[in-house]
Amino acid sequence: MYNFVPVSKYDQRLNGLSITADKHERLTMSAELKKHLNHNSGDSYFLYFDSEMRTIGISVNGANADHIPHPFDARGYANAKHFLRRCGIDTSVQPVKFIYEGDEKGIMAFRQVGFCLTPSFKSDRNGNLERI
């Protein structure tokens, strides 16, 4: 009936692989992510976005010939103004952090910190709620 997920006082994932969108509308890779990708100055990566799950994907390979990669400098910064605006990621008030969730089909997934899916419920005739 319940789908409990353990939540620790401190999320250790915040110290590892992550991407941050800052107020200058850039994406920044964490030092651990740069090390994991063996990042060098000028390397380009393909970006993806799942609006329902608020998840950024990053990959070395593109989806098709029209998919243009984003170049990252030696510090791990990429100008991502158009990407962030298209995805509805607002960084005007504070930076938005995305932490590593796993890989899927060669794409590294980074979910927005603090984002929770709104559960959907169905009510039967007796008023009992069931998660759908």
Protein backbone atom coordinates (compact mmCIF):
# COMPACT_ATOMS: atom_id res chain seq x y z
CA MET A 1 0.00 0.00 0.00
CA TYR A 2 2.75 2.49 0.91
CA ASN A 3 5.91 3.03 -1.06
CA PHE A 4 8.23 4.21 1.72
CA VAL A 5 11.65 5.49 0.72
CA PRO A 6 14.31 5.89 3.43
CA VAL A 7 15.34 9.53 3.96
CA SER A 8 18.49 10.26 5.95
CA LYS A 9 19.17 13.50 7.75
CA TYR A 10 21.87 14.29 5.17
CA ASP A 11 21.72 13.20 1.56
CA GLN A 12 25.17 11.85 0.71
CA ARG A 13 24.39 12.18 -3.00
CA LEU A 14 24.74 15.96 -2.66
CA ASN A 15 28.50 15.49 -2.22
CA GLY A 16 29.01 13.38 -5.36
CA LEU A 17 28.11 13.63 -9.02
CA SER A 18 25.95 16.68 -9.65
CA ILE A 19 25.09 19.51 -12.03
CA THR A 20 24.12 23.00 -10.87
CA ALA A 21 22.24 25.66 -12.84
CA ASP A 22 23.39 29.08 -11.60
CA LYS A 23 22.02 32.64 -11.74
CA HIS A 24 24.11 33.38 -14.84
CA GLU A 25 22.14 30.65 -16.67
CA ARG A 26 25.08 28.28 -16.87
CA LEU A 27 25.32 24.61 -16.09
CA THR A 28 28.20 23.64 -13.83
CA MET A 29 29.55 20.12 -13.40
CA SER A 30 30.81 19.06 -9.98
CA ALA A 31 34.48 18.12 -9.65
CA GLU A 32 33.45 14.48 -9.20
CA LEU A 33 31.41 14.56 -12.41
CA LYS A 34 34.30 16.10 -14.36
CA LYS A 35 36.55 13.34 -13.02
CA HIS A 36 33.97 10.65 -13.84
CA LEU A 37 33.63 11.91 -17.44
CA ASN A 38 37.39 12.48 -17.79
CA HIS A 39 36.45 16.03 -18.86
CA ASN A 40 38.88 18.20 -20.80
CA SER A 41 38.51 21.83 -21.86
CA GLY A 42 36.16 22.18 -24.82
CA ASP A 43 34.53 18.76 -24.47
CA SER A 44 30.91 18.83 -25.57
CA TYR A 45 28.02 16.83 -24.14
CA PHE A 46 24.47 16.24 -25.31
CA LEU A 47 21.77 17.44 -22.91
CA TYR A 48 18.32 15.96 -22.37
CA PHE A 49 15.43 16.95 -20.10
CA ASP A 50 12.47 15.07 -18.63
CA SER A 51 9.95 17.73 -17.59
CA GLU A 52 7.70 15.31 -15.67
CA MET A 53 10.52 13.99 -13.49
CA ARG A 54 12.49 17.31 -13.50
CA THR A 55 15.59 15.42 -14.60
CA ILE A 56 18.53 16.53 -16.75
CA GLY A 57 20.30 13.93 -18.86
CA ILE A 58 23.88 14.25 -20.09
CA SER A 59 25.54 12.00 -22.62
CA VAL A 60 28.53 11.75 -24.93
CA ASN A 61 26.24 10.57 -27.76
CA GLY A 62 23.35 12.46 -29.33
CA ALA A 63 19.82 11.31 -30.05
CA ASN A 64 19.98 12.16 -33.77
CA ALA A 65 21.81 14.31 -36.34
CA ASP A 66 19.84 17.45 -35.31
CA HIS A 67 20.87 17.13 -31.64
CA ILE A 68 23.68 19.68 -31.11
CA PRO A 69 25.98 19.23 -28.08
CA HIS A 70 26.77 21.92 -25.48
CA PRO A 71 30.47 22.76 -25.06
CA PHE A 72 31.84 22.87 -21.48
CA ASP A 73 35.00 24.80 -20.62
CA ALA A 74 37.89 23.54 -18.48
CA ARG A 75 36.09 24.56 -15.27
CA GLY A 76 33.03 22.51 -16.24
CA TYR A 77 30.80 25.49 -17.16
CA ALA A 78 28.45 25.65 -20.15
CA ASN A 79 26.32 28.54 -21.32
CA ALA A 80 22.84 27.03 -21.08
CA LYS A 81 20.50 30.01 -21.25
CA HIS A 82 18.31 28.58 -24.01
CA PHE A 83 18.29 25.09 -22.49
CA LEU A 84 17.25 26.35 -19.04
CA ARG A 85 14.55 28.64 -20.41
CA ARG A 86 13.13 25.96 -22.69
CA CYS A 87 13.01 23.52 -19.77
CA GLY A 88 11.44 26.05 -17.38
CA ILE A 89 14.31 25.98 -14.89
CA ASP A 90 14.29 29.32 -13.04
CA THR A 91 17.65 30.33 -11.54
CA SER A 92 16.85 34.02 -10.94
CA VAL A 93 16.26 33.55 -7.19
CA GLN A 94 18.71 30.76 -6.34
CA PRO A 95 20.82 28.08 -8.03
CA VAL A 96 19.13 24.79 -8.85
CA LYS A 97 21.05 21.60 -8.08
CA PHE A 98 20.56 18.26 -9.82
CA ILE A 99 21.97 15.10 -8.24
CA TYR A 100 22.92 11.86 -9.94
CA GLU A 101 20.17 9.23 -10.04
CA GLY A 102 21.60 6.64 -12.43
CA ASP A 103 22.18 5.75 -16.09
CA GLU A 104 19.62 4.86 -18.70
CA LYS A 105 20.62 3.86 -22.23
CA GLY A 106 23.96 5.66 -21.95
CA ILE A 107 22.45 8.87 -20.54
CA MET A 108 23.40 9.96 -17.02
CA ALA A 109 20.28 11.17 -15.16
CA PHE A 110 20.37 14.05 -12.64
CA ARG A 111 17.15 14.77 -10.70
CA GLN A 112 16.37 18.23 -9.29
CA VAL A 113 17.03 18.43 -5.55
CA GLY A 114 13.83 18.93 -3.57
CA PHE A 115 11.51 17.87 -6.39
CA CYS A 116 8.86 15.34 -5.43
CA LEU A 117 6.19 13.93 -7.69
CA THR A 118 2.70 14.78 -6.56
CA PRO A 119 1.01 11.48 -5.80
CA SER A 120 -2.26 10.70 -7.55
CA PHE A 121 -5.08 9.04 -5.67
CA LYS A 122 -8.34 7.38 -6.59
CA SER A 123 -11.28 7.26 -4.20
CA ASP A 124 -13.69 4.34 -4.05
CA ARG A 125 -17.36 4.54 -2.97
CA ASN A 126 -16.45 4.11 0.71
CA GLY A 127 -14.06 7.06 0.62
CA ASN A 128 -10.92 4.92 0.80
CA LEU A 129 -7.97 6.37 -1.12
CA GLU A 130 -5.79 4.27 -3.34
CA ARG A 131 -2.51 5.49 -4.85
CA ILE A 132 -2.45 5.20 -8.67
